Amino acid sequence: MKLGKMTVKKYFLALVIPEPFFEKIESVKQALFLEQGLKGALRSPAHITLHRPFEWKEEKENTLIEKLNTFKFSGELQIELNNFSFFEPRVIYVDVLPSKELFLLHNSLKNFAKTELKLFNEVNDLRGFHPHVTVASRDLKRPKFYELAPDFKTKKLNGIFNCSSFCLLKLEKKWEVLHTFNFINP
């Protein structure tokens, strides 16, 4: 009996931004597409990455979901969006104010992924965790970045929301939410 080749897909873990902030951020990304032709950030819903993209065998997707269902994190997070900022010279993003709880969630999930899922790509990331919501990146070239940056320094996008879940996103033609996991109070 000949077995077919397993399909490897890309996934990542994130906090997907809720309404009404989701629509506000998506409208900024849409405007950048319509006015500047920037479509890279439209490939995923507005989110804060908790574990960067990793590969997983699609046939074992249910195992991934089952394991992630066992992740426990105490309580609800409060997330504060604080205008726009930059990773020069290629990224414009909505800034997220750092909080102890958000960093604790990131570290807990990173350690869980390492021990339970055998994922090490987040552990080896030397850039550190800098929570943000990207609105322009990959296709934003250096000259266009410096043209747009002054305008984004004065733009306002603020808000606070509570978060009690995270999502598993899967890359098909674009990144889509595959499953949402609620935090479980221990």
Foldseek 3Di string as FASTA:
>chain_A
DDDDDFDKFKKFKWFADDPPLQVVLVVLLVCCCVVPVFCPLVLAGFTWTLGDMDIDGPVCVVVVVVLVLPQADADKDKWKWWFWDDDPPFWIWTAIDDDPRSVVVSVSVQVSCCPVVVDCPRVPDPVDGGTTTTSTGDVGDRVNSVVCVVVRVPDTDIDMDMGFWMFMWIDDVGTDTPDIHGHDHD
